[in-house]
Amino acid sequence: MLEAGKVIHKKGRPPKDYEVTEDMKINELKYIIARKDSKIKQLEMENELMRDFLSHTGRK
């Protein structure tokens, strides 16, 4: 989270004087993209491992 510039806030409603800046929005989007990229890489790795397993067992 910190790598993408995401600031960790306390749970609950933000204070009334809390302003969301463009930088905060950009950092939030960068964080979301980084998480999705990470998930895609994980799934690709799992698919590769499954393909290798199936080819070694002679199923595919």
PDB file of N, CA and C in Angstrom:
ATOM      1  N   MET A   1       0.818  -1.184   0.000  1.00  0.00           N
ATOM      2  CA  MET A   1       0.000   0.000   0.000  1.00  0.00           C
ATOM      3  C   MET A   1       0.870   1.259   0.000  1.00  0.00           C
ATOM      4  N   LEU A   2       1.892   1.241   0.803  1.00  0.00           N
ATOM      5  CA  LEU A   2       2.728   2.428   0.889  1.00  0.00           C
ATOM      6  C   LEU A   2       3.510   2.655  -0.397  1.00  0.00           C
ATOM      7  N   GLU A   3       3.817   1.541  -1.107  1.00  0.00           N
ATOM      8  CA  GLU A   3       4.566   1.654  -2.353  1.00  0.00           C
ATOM      9  C   GLU A   3       3.801   2.477  -3.384  1.00  0.00           C
ATOM     10  N   ALA A   4       2.496   2.285  -3.437  1.00  0.00           N
ATOM     11  CA  ALA A   4       1.669   3.001  -4.401  1.00  0.00           C
ATOM     12  C   ALA A   4       1.269   4.380  -3.887  1.00  0.00           C
ATOM     13  N   GLY A   5       1.703   4.721  -2.676  1.00  0.00           N
ATOM     14  CA  GLY A   5       1.407   6.039  -2.139  1.00  0.00           C
ATOM     15  C   GLY A   5       0.079   6.116  -1.417  1.00  0.00           C
ATOM     16  N   LYS A   6      -0.502   4.970  -1.080  1.00  0.00           N
ATOM     17  CA  LYS A   6      -1.789   4.971  -0.384  1.00  0.00           C
ATOM     18  C   LYS A   6      -1.579   5.305   1.077  1.00  0.00           C
ATOM     19  N   VAL A   7      -2.372   6.213   1.559  1.00  0.00           N
ATOM     20  CA  VAL A   7      -2.314   6.597   2.960  1.00  0.00           C
ATOM     21  C   VAL A   7      -3.326   5.761   3.721  1.00  0.00           C
ATOM     22  N   ILE A   8      -2.892   5.182   4.828  1.00  0.00           N
ATOM     23  CA  ILE A   8      -3.770   4.346   5.625  1.00  0.00           C
ATOM     24  C   ILE A   8      -4.485   5.231   6.639  1.00  0.00           C
ATOM     25  N   HIS A   9      -5.808   5.210   6.595  1.00  0.00           N
ATOM     26  CA  HIS A   9      -6.623   6.021   7.486  1.00  0.00           C
ATOM     27  C   HIS A   9      -7.312   5.136   8.503  1.00  0.00           C
ATOM     28  N   LYS A  10      -7.774   5.757   9.564  1.00  0.00           N
ATOM     29  CA  LYS A  10      -8.576   5.046  10.553  1.00  0.00           C
ATOM     30  C   LYS A  10      -9.918   4.696   9.922  1.00  0.00           C
ATOM     31  N   LYS A  11     -10.553   3.674  10.460  1.00  0.00           N
ATOM     32  CA  LYS A  11     -11.871   3.283   9.981  1.00  0.00           C
ATOM     33  C   LYS A  11     -12.899   4.317  10.414  1.00  0.00           C
ATOM     34  N   GLY A  12     -13.975   4.370   9.689  1.00  0.00           N
ATOM     35  CA  GLY A  12     -15.061   5.257  10.050  1.00  0.00           C
ATOM     36  C   GLY A  12     -15.183   6.441   9.111  1.00  0.00           C
ATOM     37  N   ARG A  13     -16.023   7.339   9.491  1.00  0.00           N
ATOM     38  CA  ARG A  13     -16.316   8.513   8.679  1.00  0.00           C
ATOM     39  C   ARG A  13     -15.172   9.524   8.761  1.00  0.00           C
ATOM     40  N   PRO A  14     -14.763  10.079   7.613  1.00  0.00           N
ATOM     41  CA  PRO A  14     -13.688  11.075   7.647  1.00  0.00           C
ATOM     42  C   PRO A  14     -14.178  12.382   8.273  1.00  0.00           C
ATOM     43  N   PRO A  15     -13.268  13.180   8.817  1.00  0.00           N
ATOM     44  CA  PRO A  15     -13.672  14.464   9.394  1.00  0.00           C
ATOM     45  C   PRO A  15     -14.299  15.377   8.343  1.00  0.00           C
ATOM     46  N   LYS A  16     -15.082  16.353   8.791  1.00  0.00           N
ATOM     47  CA  LYS A  16     -15.778  17.243   7.862  1.00  0.00           C
ATOM     48  C   LYS A  16     -14.816  18.071   7.025  1.00  0.00           C
ATOM     49  N   ASP A  17     -13.669  18.413   7.578  1.00  0.00           N
ATOM     50  CA  ASP A  17     -12.711  19.240   6.842  1.00  0.00           C
ATOM     51  C   ASP A  17     -11.765  18.411   5.964  1.00  0.00           C
ATOM     52  N   TYR A  18     -12.041  17.126   5.822  1.00  0.00           N
ATOM     53  CA  TYR A  18     -11.214  16.223   5.031  1.00  0.00           C
ATOM     54  C   TYR A  18     -11.460  16.474   3.548  1.00  0.00           C
ATOM     55  N   GLU A  19     -10.402  16.754   2.820  1.00  0.00           N
ATOM     56  CA  GLU A  19     -10.508  17.020   1.380  1.00  0.00           C
ATOM     57  C   GLU A  19      -9.771  15.940   0.604  1.00  0.00           C
ATOM     58  N   VAL A  20     -10.395  15.492  -0.466  1.00  0.00           N
ATOM     59  CA  VAL A  20      -9.775  14.514  -1.344  1.00  0.00           C
ATOM     60  C   VAL A  20      -9.134  15.279  -2.492  1.00  0.00           C
ATOM     61  N   THR A  21      -7.816  15.176  -2.603  1.00  0.00           N
ATOM     62  CA  THR A  21      -7.096  15.889  -3.648  1.00  0.00           C
ATOM     63  C   THR A  21      -6.930  15.008  -4.878  1.00  0.00           C
ATOM     64  N   GLU A  22      -6.525  15.617  -5.957  1.00  0.00           N
ATOM     65  CA  GLU A  22      -6.264  14.867  -7.191  1.00  0.00           C
ATOM     66  C   GLU A  22      -5.163  13.844  -6.967  1.00  0.00           C
ATOM     67  N   ASP A  23      -4.129  14.229  -6.199  1.00  0.00           N
ATOM     68  CA  ASP A  23      -3.036  13.295  -5.912  1.00  0.00           C
ATOM     69  C   ASP A  23      -3.531  12.075  -5.149  1.00  0.00           C
ATOM     70  N   MET A  24      -4.461  12.306  -4.221  1.00  0.00           N
ATOM     71  CA  MET A  24      -5.019  11.185  -3.458  1.00  0.00           C
ATOM     72  C   MET A  24      -5.806  10.256  -4.370  1.00  0.00           C
ATOM     73  N   LYS A  25      -6.563  10.834  -5.298  1.00  0.00           N
ATOM     74  CA  LYS A  25      -7.326  10.014  -6.247  1.00  0.00           C
ATOM     75  C   LYS A  25      -6.388   9.219  -7.142  1.00  0.00           C
ATOM     76  N   ILE A  26      -5.332   9.867  -7.616  1.00  0.00           N
ATOM     77  CA  ILE A  26      -4.353   9.201  -8.485  1.00  0.00           C
ATOM     78  C   ILE A  26      -3.673   8.063  -7.743  1.00  0.00           C
ATOM     79  N   ASN A  27      -3.281   8.324  -6.493  1.00  0.00           N
ATOM     80  CA  ASN A  27      -2.627   7.288  -5.702  1.00  0.00           C
ATOM     81  C   ASN A  27      -3.559   6.121  -5.436  1.00  0.00           C
ATOM     82  N   GLU A  28      -4.820   6.400  -5.213  1.00  0.00           N
ATOM     83  CA  GLU A  28      -5.802   5.337  -5.008  1.00  0.00           C
ATOM     84  C   GLU A  28      -5.931   4.467  -6.253  1.00  0.00           C
ATOM     85  N   LEU A  29      -5.994   5.111  -7.422  1.00  0.00           N
ATOM     86  CA  LEU A  29      -6.089   4.362  -8.676  1.00  0.00           C
ATOM     87  C   LEU A  29      -4.822   3.548  -8.937  1.00  0.00           C
ATOM     88  N   LYS A  30      -3.658   4.112  -8.622  1.00  0.00           N
ATOM     89  CA  LYS A  30      -2.398   3.373  -8.780  1.00  0.00           C
ATOM     90  C   LYS A  30      -2.396   2.138  -7.892  1.00  0.00           C
ATOM     91  N   TYR A  31      -2.899   2.296  -6.682  1.00  0.00           N
ATOM     92  CA  TYR A  31      -2.965   1.175  -5.747  1.00  0.00           C
ATOM     93  C   TYR A  31      -3.892   0.087  -6.277  1.00  0.00           C
ATOM     94  N   ILE A  32      -5.051   0.477  -6.792  1.00  0.00           N
ATOM     95  CA  ILE A  32      -6.005  -0.491  -7.336  1.00  0.00           C
ATOM     96  C   ILE A  32      -5.399  -1.231  -8.520  1.00  0.00           C
ATOM     97  N   ILE A  33      -4.737  -0.507  -9.404  1.00  0.00           N
ATOM     98  CA  ILE A  33      -4.100  -1.128 -10.571  1.00  0.00           C
ATOM     99  C   ILE A  33      -2.997  -2.083 -10.142  1.00  0.00           C
ATOM    100  N   ALA A  34      -2.200  -1.678  -9.149  1.00  0.00           N
ATOM    101  CA  ALA A  34      -1.115  -2.537  -8.665  1.00  0.00           C
ATOM    102  C   ALA A  34      -1.675  -3.836  -8.088  1.00  0.00           C
ATOM    103  N   ARG A  35      -2.789  -3.750  -7.348  1.00  0.00           N
ATOM    104  CA  ARG A  35      -3.400  -4.959  -6.785  1.00  0.00           C
ATOM    105  C   ARG A  35      -3.934  -5.864  -7.883  1.00  0.00           C
ATOM    106  N   LYS A  36      -4.545  -5.268  -8.900  1.00  0.00           N
ATOM    107  CA  LYS A  36      -5.082  -6.078 -10.001  1.00  0.00           C
ATOM    108  C   LYS A  36      -3.947  -6.730 -10.781  1.00  0.00           C
ATOM    109  N   ASP A  37      -2.859  -5.997 -11.016  1.00  0.00           N
ATOM    110  CA  ASP A  37      -1.706  -6.575 -11.701  1.00  0.00           C
ATOM    111  C   ASP A  37      -1.122  -7.741 -10.900  1.00  0.00           C
ATOM    112  N   SER A  38      -1.065  -7.567  -9.596  1.00  0.00           N
ATOM    113  CA  SER A  38      -0.560  -8.624  -8.727  1.00  0.00           C
ATOM    114  C   SER A  38      -1.448  -9.857  -8.801  1.00  0.00           C
ATOM    115  N   LYS A  39      -2.747  -9.665  -8.803  1.00  0.00           N
ATOM    116  CA  LYS A  39      -3.687 -10.781  -8.882  1.00  0.00           C
ATOM    117  C   LYS A  39      -3.570 -11.498 -10.224  1.00  0.00           C
ATOM    118  N   ILE A  40      -3.417 -10.729 -11.307  1.00  0.00           N
ATOM    119  CA  ILE A  40      -3.252 -11.320 -12.634  1.00  0.00           C
ATOM    120  C   ILE A  40      -1.990 -12.175 -12.680  1.00  0.00           C
ATOM    121  N   LYS A  41      -0.883 -11.665 -12.142  1.00  0.00           N
ATOM    122  CA  LYS A  41       0.368 -12.438 -12.120  1.00  0.00           C
ATOM    123  C   LYS A  41       0.202 -13.717 -11.320  1.00  0.00           C
ATOM    124  N   GLN A  42      -0.509 -13.630 -10.186  1.00  0.00           N
ATOM    125  CA  GLN A  42      -0.740 -14.809  -9.361  1.00  0.00           C
ATOM    126  C   GLN A  42      -1.538 -15.853 -10.136  1.00  0.00           C
ATOM    127  N   LEU A  43      -2.583 -15.434 -10.822  1.00  0.00           N
ATOM    128  CA  LEU A  43      -3.411 -16.369 -11.584  1.00  0.00           C
ATOM    129  C   LEU A  43      -2.639 -16.973 -12.755  1.00  0.00           C
ATOM    130  N   GLU A  44      -1.807 -16.165 -13.404  1.00  0.00           N
ATOM    131  CA  GLU A  44      -0.987 -16.694 -14.496  1.00  0.00           C
ATOM    132  C   GLU A  44      -0.017 -17.754 -13.983  1.00  0.00           C
ATOM    133  N   MET A  45       0.556 -17.511 -12.802  1.00  0.00           N
ATOM    134  CA  MET A  45       1.467 -18.478 -12.207  1.00  0.00           C
ATOM    135  C   MET A  45       0.737 -19.775 -11.855  1.00  0.00           C
ATOM    136  N   GLU A  46      -0.470 -19.637 -11.292  1.00  0.00           N
ATOM    137  CA  GLU A  46      -1.258 -20.826 -10.964  1.00  0.00           C
ATOM    138  C   GLU A  46      -1.605 -21.614 -12.214  1.00  0.00           C
ATOM    139  N   ASN A  47      -1.962 -20.927 -13.292  1.00  0.00           N
ATOM    140  CA  ASN A  47      -2.272 -21.617 -14.553  1.00  0.00           C
ATOM    141  C   ASN A  47      -1.052 -22.361 -15.083  1.00  0.00           C
ATOM    142  N   GLU A  48       0.099 -21.723 -15.004  1.00  0.00           N
ATOM    143  CA  GLU A  48       1.327 -22.365 -15.481  1.00  0.00           C
ATOM    144  C   GLU A  48       1.645 -23.606 -14.649  1.00  0.00           C
ATOM    145  N   LEU A  49       1.496 -23.499 -13.335  1.00  0.00           N
ATOM    146  CA  LEU A  49       1.743 -24.657 -12.471  1.00  0.00           C
ATOM    147  C   LEU A  49       0.759 -25.779 -12.770  1.00  0.00           C
ATOM    148  N   MET A  50      -0.489 -25.444 -13.010  1.00  0.00           N
ATOM    149  CA  MET A  50      -1.496 -26.463 -13.317  1.00  0.00           C
ATOM    150  C   MET A  50      -1.190 -27.134 -14.651  1.00  0.00           C
ATOM    151  N   ARG A  51      -0.782 -26.337 -15.638  1.00  0.00           N
ATOM    152  CA  ARG A  51      -0.416 -26.919 -16.935  1.00  0.00           C
ATOM    153  C   ARG A  51       0.764 -27.872 -16.797  1.00  0.00           C
ATOM    154  N   ASP A  52       1.776 -27.458 -16.021  1.00  0.00           N
ATOM    155  CA  ASP A  52       2.940 -28.318 -15.802  1.00  0.00           C
ATOM    156  C   ASP A  52       2.548 -29.605 -15.087  1.00  0.00           C
ATOM    157  N   PHE A  53       1.701 -29.480 -14.079  1.00  0.00           N
ATOM    158  CA  PHE A  53       1.247 -30.655 -13.336  1.00  0.00           C
ATOM    159  C   PHE A  53       0.499 -31.615 -14.251  1.00  0.00           C
ATOM    160  N   LEU A  54      -0.420 -31.076 -15.055  1.00  0.00           N
ATOM    161  CA  LEU A  54      -1.201 -31.937 -15.947  1.00  0.00           C
ATOM    162  C   LEU A  54      -0.323 -32.590 -17.009  1.00  0.00           C
ATOM    163  N   SER A  55       0.671 -31.869 -17.494  1.00  0.00           N
ATOM    164  CA  SER A  55       1.542 -32.460 -18.516  1.00  0.00           C
ATOM    165  C   SER A  55       2.424 -33.558 -17.916  1.00  0.00           C
ATOM    166  N   HIS A  56       2.830 -33.414 -16.663  1.00  0.00           N
ATOM    167  CA  HIS A  56       3.650 -34.444 -15.994  1.00  0.00           C
ATOM    168  C   HIS A  56       2.836 -35.685 -15.646  1.00  0.00           C
ATOM    169  N   THR A  57       1.555 -35.504 -15.383  1.00  0.00           N
ATOM    170  CA  THR A  57       0.716 -36.651 -15.065  1.00  0.00           C
ATOM    171  C   THR A  57       0.161 -37.294 -16.326  1.00  0.00           C
ATOM    172  N   GLY A  58       0.408 -36.705 -17.480  1.00  0.00           N
ATOM    173  CA  GLY A  58      -0.028 -37.277 -18.745  1.00  0.00           C
ATOM    174  C   GLY A  58      -1.468 -37.034 -19.066  1.00  0.00           C
ATOM    175  N   ARG A  59      -2.073 -36.066 -18.434  1.00  0.00           N
ATOM    176  CA  ARG A  59      -3.485 -35.792 -18.689  1.00  0.00           C
ATOM    177  C   ARG A  59      -3.691 -34.814 -19.836  1.00  0.00           C
ATOM    178  N   LYS A  60      -2.681 -34.096 -20.184  1.00  0.00           N
ATOM    179  CA  LYS A  60      -2.847 -33.135 -21.256  1.00  0.00           C
ATOM    180  C   LYS A  60      -1.593 -33.009 -22.075  1.00  0.00           C
TER     181      LYS A  60
END
